[in-house]
PDB file of N, CA and C in Angstrom:
ATOM      1  N   MET A   1     -83.053 -54.234  26.488  1.00  0.00           N
ATOM      2  CA  MET A   1     -82.612 -52.980  27.044  1.00  0.00           C
ATOM      3  C   MET A   1     -82.320 -51.980  25.945  1.00  0.00           C
ATOM      4  N   HIS A   2     -82.601 -50.739  26.276  1.00  0.00           N
ATOM      5  CA  HIS A   2     -82.422 -49.655  25.326  1.00  0.00           C
ATOM      6  C   HIS A   2     -81.279 -48.756  25.798  1.00  0.00           C
ATOM      7  N   MET A   3     -80.279 -48.533  24.932  1.00  0.00           N
ATOM      8  CA  MET A   3     -79.166 -47.673  25.309  1.00  0.00           C
ATOM      9  C   MET A   3     -79.495 -46.228  24.960  1.00  0.00           C
ATOM     10  N   SER A   4     -79.136 -45.354  25.816  1.00  0.00           N
ATOM     11  CA  SER A   4     -79.378 -43.932  25.592  1.00  0.00           C
ATOM     12  C   SER A   4     -78.398 -43.406  24.546  1.00  0.00           C
ATOM     13  N   SER A   5     -78.893 -42.516  23.690  1.00  0.00           N
ATOM     14  CA  SER A   5     -78.016 -41.955  22.655  1.00  0.00           C
ATOM     15  C   SER A   5     -77.110 -40.860  23.214  1.00  0.00           C
ATOM     16  N   GLU A   6     -77.410 -40.428  24.432  1.00  0.00           N
ATOM     17  CA  GLU A   6     -76.587 -39.400  25.058  1.00  0.00           C
ATOM     18  C   GLU A   6     -75.522 -40.074  25.918  1.00  0.00           C
ATOM     19  N   THR A   7     -74.344 -40.214  25.385  1.00  0.00           N
ATOM     20  CA  THR A   7     -73.252 -40.794  26.143  1.00  0.00           C
ATOM     21  C   THR A   7     -72.325 -39.672  26.585  1.00  0.00           C
ATOM     22  N   VAL A   8     -71.810 -39.797  27.764  1.00  0.00           N
ATOM     23  CA  VAL A   8     -70.904 -38.785  28.303  1.00  0.00           C
ATOM     24  C   VAL A   8     -69.500 -39.099  27.804  1.00  0.00           C
ATOM     25  N   ARG A   9     -68.916 -38.131  27.127  1.00  0.00           N
ATOM     26  CA  ARG A   9     -67.563 -38.314  26.606  1.00  0.00           C
ATOM     27  C   ARG A   9     -66.589 -37.460  27.413  1.00  0.00           C
ATOM     28  N   PRO A  10     -65.451 -37.998  27.726  1.00  0.00           N
ATOM     29  CA  PRO A  10     -64.434 -37.173  28.388  1.00  0.00           C
ATOM     30  C   PRO A  10     -63.933 -36.107  27.410  1.00  0.00           C
ATOM     31  N   SER A  11     -63.393 -35.037  27.931  1.00  0.00           N
ATOM     32  CA  SER A  11     -62.991 -33.919  27.070  1.00  0.00           C
ATOM     33  C   SER A  11     -61.730 -34.266  26.279  1.00  0.00           C
ATOM     34  N   SER A  12     -61.926 -34.723  25.088  1.00  0.00           N
ATOM     35  CA  SER A  12     -60.901 -35.001  24.082  1.00  0.00           C
ATOM     36  C   SER A  12     -59.663 -35.726  24.611  1.00  0.00           C
ATOM     37  N   PRO A  13     -59.800 -36.958  25.101  1.00  0.00           N
ATOM     38  CA  PRO A  13     -58.619 -37.668  25.599  1.00  0.00           C
ATOM     39  C   PRO A  13     -57.764 -38.248  24.476  1.00  0.00           C
ATOM     40  N   ARG A  14     -58.296 -38.273  23.270  1.00  0.00           N
ATOM     41  CA  ARG A  14     -57.572 -38.945  22.196  1.00  0.00           C
ATOM     42  C   ARG A  14     -56.431 -38.115  21.625  1.00  0.00           C
ATOM     43  N   ASN A  15     -56.449 -36.771  21.770  1.00  0.00           N
ATOM     44  CA  ASN A  15     -55.375 -35.974  21.206  1.00  0.00           C
ATOM     45  C   ASN A  15     -55.027 -34.789  22.117  1.00  0.00           C
ATOM     46  N   PRO A  16     -54.387 -35.047  23.261  1.00  0.00           N
ATOM     47  CA  PRO A  16     -54.053 -33.950  24.172  1.00  0.00           C
ATOM     48  C   PRO A  16     -52.925 -33.066  23.641  1.00  0.00           C
ATOM     49  N   LEU A  17     -52.072 -33.605  22.785  1.00  0.00           N
ATOM     50  CA  LEU A  17     -50.964 -32.805  22.252  1.00  0.00           C
ATOM     51  C   LEU A  17     -51.464 -31.702  21.329  1.00  0.00           C
ATOM     52  N   ARG A  18     -52.519 -31.966  20.618  1.00  0.00           N
ATOM     53  CA  ARG A  18     -53.079 -30.943  19.732  1.00  0.00           C
ATOM     54  C   ARG A  18     -53.607 -29.761  20.554  1.00  0.00           C
ATOM     55  N   ARG A  19     -54.317 -30.066  21.629  1.00  0.00           N
ATOM     56  CA  ARG A  19     -54.847 -29.009  22.503  1.00  0.00           C
ATOM     57  C   ARG A  19     -53.703 -28.217  23.137  1.00  0.00           C
ATOM     58  N   LEU A  20     -52.673 -28.911  23.579  1.00  0.00           N
ATOM     59  CA  LEU A  20     -51.523 -28.262  24.189  1.00  0.00           C
ATOM     60  C   LEU A  20     -50.817 -27.349  23.191  1.00  0.00           C
ATOM     61  N   SER A  21     -50.650 -27.819  21.960  1.00  0.00           N
ATOM     62  CA  SER A  21     -49.967 -26.993  20.955  1.00  0.00           C
ATOM     63  C   SER A  21     -50.791 -25.759  20.610  1.00  0.00           C
ATOM     64  N   VAL A  22     -52.099 -25.888  20.553  1.00  0.00           N
ATOM     65  CA  VAL A  22     -52.951 -24.725  20.279  1.00  0.00           C
ATOM     66  C   VAL A  22     -52.845 -23.719  21.422  1.00  0.00           C
ATOM     67  N   GLU A  23     -52.851 -24.200  22.656  1.00  0.00           N
ATOM     68  CA  GLU A  23     -52.726 -23.296  23.799  1.00  0.00           C
ATOM     69  C   GLU A  23     -51.375 -22.583  23.787  1.00  0.00           C
ATOM     70  N   LEU A  24     -50.311 -23.304  23.496  1.00  0.00           N
ATOM     71  CA  LEU A  24     -48.986 -22.683  23.470  1.00  0.00           C
ATOM     72  C   LEU A  24     -48.875 -21.639  22.356  1.00  0.00           C
ATOM     73  N   ILE A  25     -49.434 -21.929  21.204  1.00  0.00           N
ATOM     74  CA  ILE A  25     -49.410 -20.959  20.105  1.00  0.00           C
ATOM     75  C   ILE A  25     -50.187 -19.707  20.486  1.00  0.00           C
ATOM     76  N   LEU A  26     -51.342 -19.886  21.124  1.00  0.00           N
ATOM     77  CA  LEU A  26     -52.126 -18.727  21.557  1.00  0.00           C
ATOM     78  C   LEU A  26     -51.390 -17.906  22.609  1.00  0.00           C
ATOM     79  N   ILE A  27     -50.681 -18.559  23.511  1.00  0.00           N
ATOM     80  CA  ILE A  27     -49.904 -17.842  24.522  1.00  0.00           C
ATOM     81  C   ILE A  27     -48.787 -17.045  23.874  1.00  0.00           C
ATOM     82  N   VAL A  28     -48.090 -17.643  22.934  1.00  0.00           N
ATOM     83  CA  VAL A  28     -46.992 -16.945  22.245  1.00  0.00           C
ATOM     84  C   VAL A  28     -47.531 -15.746  21.473  1.00  0.00           C
ATOM     85  N   LEU A  29     -48.640 -15.914  20.771  1.00  0.00           N
ATOM     86  CA  LEU A  29     -49.219 -14.796  20.020  1.00  0.00           C
ATOM     87  C   LEU A  29     -49.684 -13.686  20.950  1.00  0.00           C
ATOM     88  N   ALA A  30     -50.246 -14.044  22.085  1.00  0.00           N
ATOM     89  CA  ALA A  30     -50.684 -13.032  23.048  1.00  0.00           C
ATOM     90  C   ALA A  30     -49.489 -12.264  23.609  1.00  0.00           C
ATOM     91  N   LYS A  31     -48.399 -12.952  23.875  1.00  0.00           N
ATOM     92  CA  LYS A  31     -47.200 -12.280  24.377  1.00  0.00           C
ATOM     93  C   LYS A  31     -46.607 -11.346  23.333  1.00  0.00           C
ATOM     94  N   ILE A  32     -46.569 -11.780  22.088  1.00  0.00           N
ATOM     95  CA  ILE A  32     -46.049 -10.927  21.018  1.00  0.00           C
ATOM     96  C   ILE A  32     -46.903  -9.675  20.882  1.00  0.00           C
ATOM     97  N   ALA A  33     -48.220  -9.841  20.934  1.00  0.00           N
ATOM     98  CA  ALA A  33     -49.116  -8.691  20.824  1.00  0.00           C
ATOM     99  C   ALA A  33     -48.926  -7.743  22.007  1.00  0.00           C
ATOM    100  N   LEU A  34     -48.798  -8.280  23.202  1.00  0.00           N
ATOM    101  CA  LEU A  34     -48.617  -7.442  24.385  1.00  0.00           C
ATOM    102  C   LEU A  34     -47.293  -6.684  24.336  1.00  0.00           C
ATOM    103  N   LEU A  35     -46.212  -7.366  23.972  1.00  0.00           N
ATOM    104  CA  LEU A  35     -44.913  -6.701  23.885  1.00  0.00           C
ATOM    105  C   LEU A  35     -44.890  -5.656  22.778  1.00  0.00           C
ATOM    106  N   SER A  36     -45.564  -5.913  21.668  1.00  0.00           N
ATOM    107  CA  SER A  36     -45.650  -4.921  20.591  1.00  0.00           C
ATOM    108  C   SER A  36     -46.408  -3.689  21.051  1.00  0.00           C
ATOM    109  N   LEU A  37     -47.479  -3.897  21.779  1.00  0.00           N
ATOM    110  CA  LEU A  37     -48.267  -2.778  22.293  1.00  0.00           C
ATOM    111  C   LEU A  37     -47.457  -1.947  23.287  1.00  0.00           C
ATOM    112  N   ILE A  38     -46.730  -2.602  24.165  1.00  0.00           N
ATOM    113  CA  ILE A  38     -45.893  -1.881  25.123  1.00  0.00           C
ATOM    114  C   ILE A  38     -44.798  -1.112  24.396  1.00  0.00           C
ATOM    115  N   GLY A  39     -44.150  -1.729  23.426  1.00  0.00           N
ATOM    116  CA  GLY A  39     -43.102  -1.047  22.659  1.00  0.00           C
ATOM    117  C   GLY A  39     -43.638   0.147  21.903  1.00  0.00           C
ATOM    118  N   TRP A  40     -44.798  -0.001  21.294  1.00  0.00           N
ATOM    119  CA  TRP A  40     -45.397   1.131  20.571  1.00  0.00           C
ATOM    120  C   TRP A  40     -45.721   2.256  21.544  1.00  0.00           C
ATOM    121  N   TYR A  41     -46.275   1.933  22.700  1.00  0.00           N
ATOM    122  CA  TYR A  41     -46.645   2.950  23.677  1.00  0.00           C
ATOM    123  C   TYR A  41     -45.416   3.716  24.173  1.00  0.00           C
ATOM    124  N   LEU A  42     -44.333   2.995  24.446  1.00  0.00           N
ATOM    125  CA  LEU A  42     -43.129   3.653  24.942  1.00  0.00           C
ATOM    126  C   LEU A  42     -42.445   4.492  23.869  1.00  0.00           C
ATOM    127  N   SER A  43     -42.437   4.023  22.635  1.00  0.00           N
ATOM    128  CA  SER A  43     -41.747   4.775  21.580  1.00  0.00           C
ATOM    129  C   SER A  43     -42.587   5.928  21.050  1.00  0.00           C
ATOM    130  N   ALA A  44     -43.870   5.952  21.303  1.00  0.00           N
ATOM    131  CA  ALA A  44     -44.726   7.028  20.793  1.00  0.00           C
ATOM    132  C   ALA A  44     -44.447   8.347  21.499  1.00  0.00           C
ATOM    133  N   HIS A  45     -43.841   8.319  22.680  1.00  0.00           N
ATOM    134  CA  HIS A  45     -43.609   9.537  23.447  1.00  0.00           C
ATOM    135  C   HIS A  45     -42.288  10.226  23.111  1.00  0.00           C
ATOM    136  N   TYR A  46     -41.440   9.575  22.337  1.00  0.00           N
ATOM    137  CA  TYR A  46     -40.175  10.181  21.964  1.00  0.00           C
ATOM    138  C   TYR A  46     -40.353  11.007  20.698  1.00  0.00           C
ATOM    139  N   PRO A  47     -39.689  12.166  20.621  1.00  0.00           N
ATOM    140  CA  PRO A  47     -39.805  12.972  19.404  1.00  0.00           C
ATOM    141  C   PRO A  47     -39.115  12.268  18.231  1.00  0.00           C
ATOM    142  N   ARG A  48     -39.676  12.454  17.071  1.00  0.00           N
ATOM    143  CA  ARG A  48     -39.091  11.835  15.878  1.00  0.00           C
ATOM    144  C   ARG A  48     -37.921  12.669  15.370  1.00  0.00           C
ATOM    145  N   ALA A  49     -36.977  12.013  14.755  1.00  0.00           N
ATOM    146  CA  ALA A  49     -35.822  12.712  14.197  1.00  0.00           C
ATOM    147  C   ALA A  49     -36.249  13.537  12.988  1.00  0.00           C
ATOM    148  N   ASP A  50     -35.596  14.673  12.810  1.00  0.00           N
ATOM    149  CA  ASP A  50     -35.886  15.540  11.675  1.00  0.00           C
ATOM    150  C   ASP A  50     -35.182  14.967  10.452  1.00  0.00           C
ATOM    151  N   THR A  51     -35.922  14.459   9.500  1.00  0.00           N
ATOM    152  CA  THR A  51     -35.332  13.809   8.326  1.00  0.00           C
ATOM    153  C   THR A  51     -35.494  14.632   7.054  1.00  0.00           C
ATOM    154  N   ARG A  52     -35.793  15.912   7.212  1.00  0.00           N
ATOM    155  CA  ARG A  52     -35.873  16.757   6.015  1.00  0.00           C
ATOM    156  C   ARG A  52     -34.482  16.880   5.402  1.00  0.00           C
ATOM    157  N   PRO A  53     -34.380  17.048   4.089  1.00  0.00           N
ATOM    158  CA  PRO A  53     -33.058  17.152   3.454  1.00  0.00           C
ATOM    159  C   PRO A  53     -32.204  18.280   4.031  1.00  0.00           C
ATOM    160  N   ALA A  54     -32.802  19.420   4.336  1.00  0.00           N
ATOM    161  CA  ALA A  54     -32.024  20.534   4.883  1.00  0.00           C
ATOM    162  C   ALA A  54     -31.447  20.180   6.254  1.00  0.00           C
ATOM    163  N   ALA A  55     -32.218  19.477   7.078  1.00  0.00           N
ATOM    164  CA  ALA A  55     -31.731  19.097   8.407  1.00  0.00           C
ATOM    165  C   ALA A  55     -30.615  18.072   8.307  1.00  0.00           C
ATOM    166  N   VAL A  56     -30.746  17.130   7.390  1.00  0.00           N
ATOM    167  CA  VAL A  56     -29.711  16.120   7.203  1.00  0.00           C
ATOM    168  C   VAL A  56     -28.444  16.778   6.682  1.00  0.00           C
ATOM    169  N   GLU A  57     -28.584  17.716   5.756  1.00  0.00           N
ATOM    170  CA  GLU A  57     -27.420  18.423   5.219  1.00  0.00           C
ATOM    171  C   GLU A  57     -26.718  19.199   6.322  1.00  0.00           C
ATOM    172  N   ARG A  58     -27.474  19.829   7.202  1.00  0.00           N
ATOM    173  CA  ARG A  58     -26.882  20.593   8.296  1.00  0.00           C
ATOM    174  C   ARG A  58     -26.144  19.660   9.262  1.00  0.00           C
ATOM    175  N   LEU A  59     -26.693  18.476   9.488  1.00  0.00           N
ATOM    176  CA  LEU A  59     -26.038  17.543  10.395  1.00  0.00           C
ATOM    177  C   LEU A  59     -24.758  16.954   9.803  1.00  0.00           C
ATOM    178  N   LEU A  60     -24.760  16.740   8.489  1.00  0.00           N
ATOM    179  CA  LEU A  60     -23.606  16.106   7.852  1.00  0.00           C
ATOM    180  C   LEU A  60     -22.565  17.096   7.366  1.00  0.00           C
ATOM    181  N   ALA A  61     -22.871  18.371   7.400  1.00  0.00           N
ATOM    182  CA  ALA A  61     -21.938  19.383   6.901  1.00  0.00           C
ATOM    183  C   ALA A  61     -20.729  19.472   7.829  1.00  0.00           C
ATOM    184  N   PRO A  62     -19.564  19.789   7.251  1.00  0.00           N
ATOM    185  CA  PRO A  62     -18.388  19.959   8.112  1.00  0.00           C
ATOM    186  C   PRO A  62     -18.554  21.206   8.977  1.00  0.00           C
ATOM    187  N   PRO A  63     -17.908  21.232  10.110  1.00  0.00           N
ATOM    188  CA  PRO A  63     -18.040  22.395  10.987  1.00  0.00           C
ATOM    189  C   PRO A  63     -17.454  23.643  10.324  1.00  0.00           C
ATOM    190  N   PRO A  64     -17.994  24.797  10.629  1.00  0.00           N
ATOM    191  CA  PRO A  64     -17.456  26.014  10.015  1.00  0.00           C
ATOM    192  C   PRO A  64     -16.020  26.236  10.464  1.00  0.00           C
ATOM    193  N   THR A  65     -15.199  26.665   9.523  1.00  0.00           N
ATOM    194  CA  THR A  65     -13.783  26.886   9.852  1.00  0.00           C
ATOM    195  C   THR A  65     -13.634  28.254  10.496  1.00  0.00           C
ATOM    196  N   SER A  66     -12.832  28.304  11.499  1.00  0.00           N
ATOM    197  CA  SER A  66     -12.557  29.568  12.174  1.00  0.00           C
ATOM    198  C   SER A  66     -11.073  29.870  12.033  1.00  0.00           C
ATOM    199  N   LYS A  67     -10.750  31.147  12.095  1.00  0.00           N
ATOM    200  CA  LYS A  67      -9.351  31.554  11.951  1.00  0.00           C
ATOM    201  C   LYS A  67      -8.574  31.083  13.175  1.00  0.00           C
ATOM    202  N   PRO A  68      -7.449  30.474  12.951  1.00  0.00           N
ATOM    203  CA  PRO A  68      -6.646  30.097  14.105  1.00  0.00           C
ATOM    204  C   PRO A  68      -6.107  31.358  14.793  1.00  0.00           C
ATOM    205  N   GLU A  69      -6.204  31.366  16.075  1.00  0.00           N
ATOM    206  CA  GLU A  69      -5.723  32.524  16.811  1.00  0.00           C
ATOM    207  C   GLU A  69      -4.202  32.529  16.824  1.00  0.00           C
ATOM    208  N   SER A  70      -3.655  33.697  16.620  1.00  0.00           N
ATOM    209  CA  SER A  70      -2.191  33.802  16.628  1.00  0.00           C
ATOM    210  C   SER A  70      -1.735  34.101  18.050  1.00  0.00           C
ATOM    211  N   LYS A  71      -0.690  33.455  18.424  1.00  0.00           N
ATOM    212  CA  LYS A  71      -0.160  33.650  19.776  1.00  0.00           C
ATOM    213  C   LYS A  71       0.807  34.841  19.746  1.00  0.00           C
ATOM    214  N   PRO A  72       0.717  35.717  20.713  1.00  0.00           N
ATOM    215  CA  PRO A  72       1.642  36.866  20.698  1.00  0.00           C
ATOM    216  C   PRO A  72       3.042  36.511  21.101  1.00  0.00           C
TER     217      PRO A  72
END
C-alpha cells in the first residue's frame, strides 16, 4: 500500500495558547489605535491655547490697581 503525502492536519492543535495570545495582543493594539483616533478627532476641534510670551505675560500679570473709592 502507498500512503498519500497529502495528510489532513487539524489547525494547529499543538499550541492553542500561542494563537490566543496573538489574538489578544492584536485586539489590544486595535483598541488602543481606535481610542487614540477618537481622542485625536475630539481634541482637534478645540482651539489651542495662546502660548506666545506676550499672552502668557498678560495672563500672569497682576490686575491693574484702581483707586479706592472714598465714601462720603
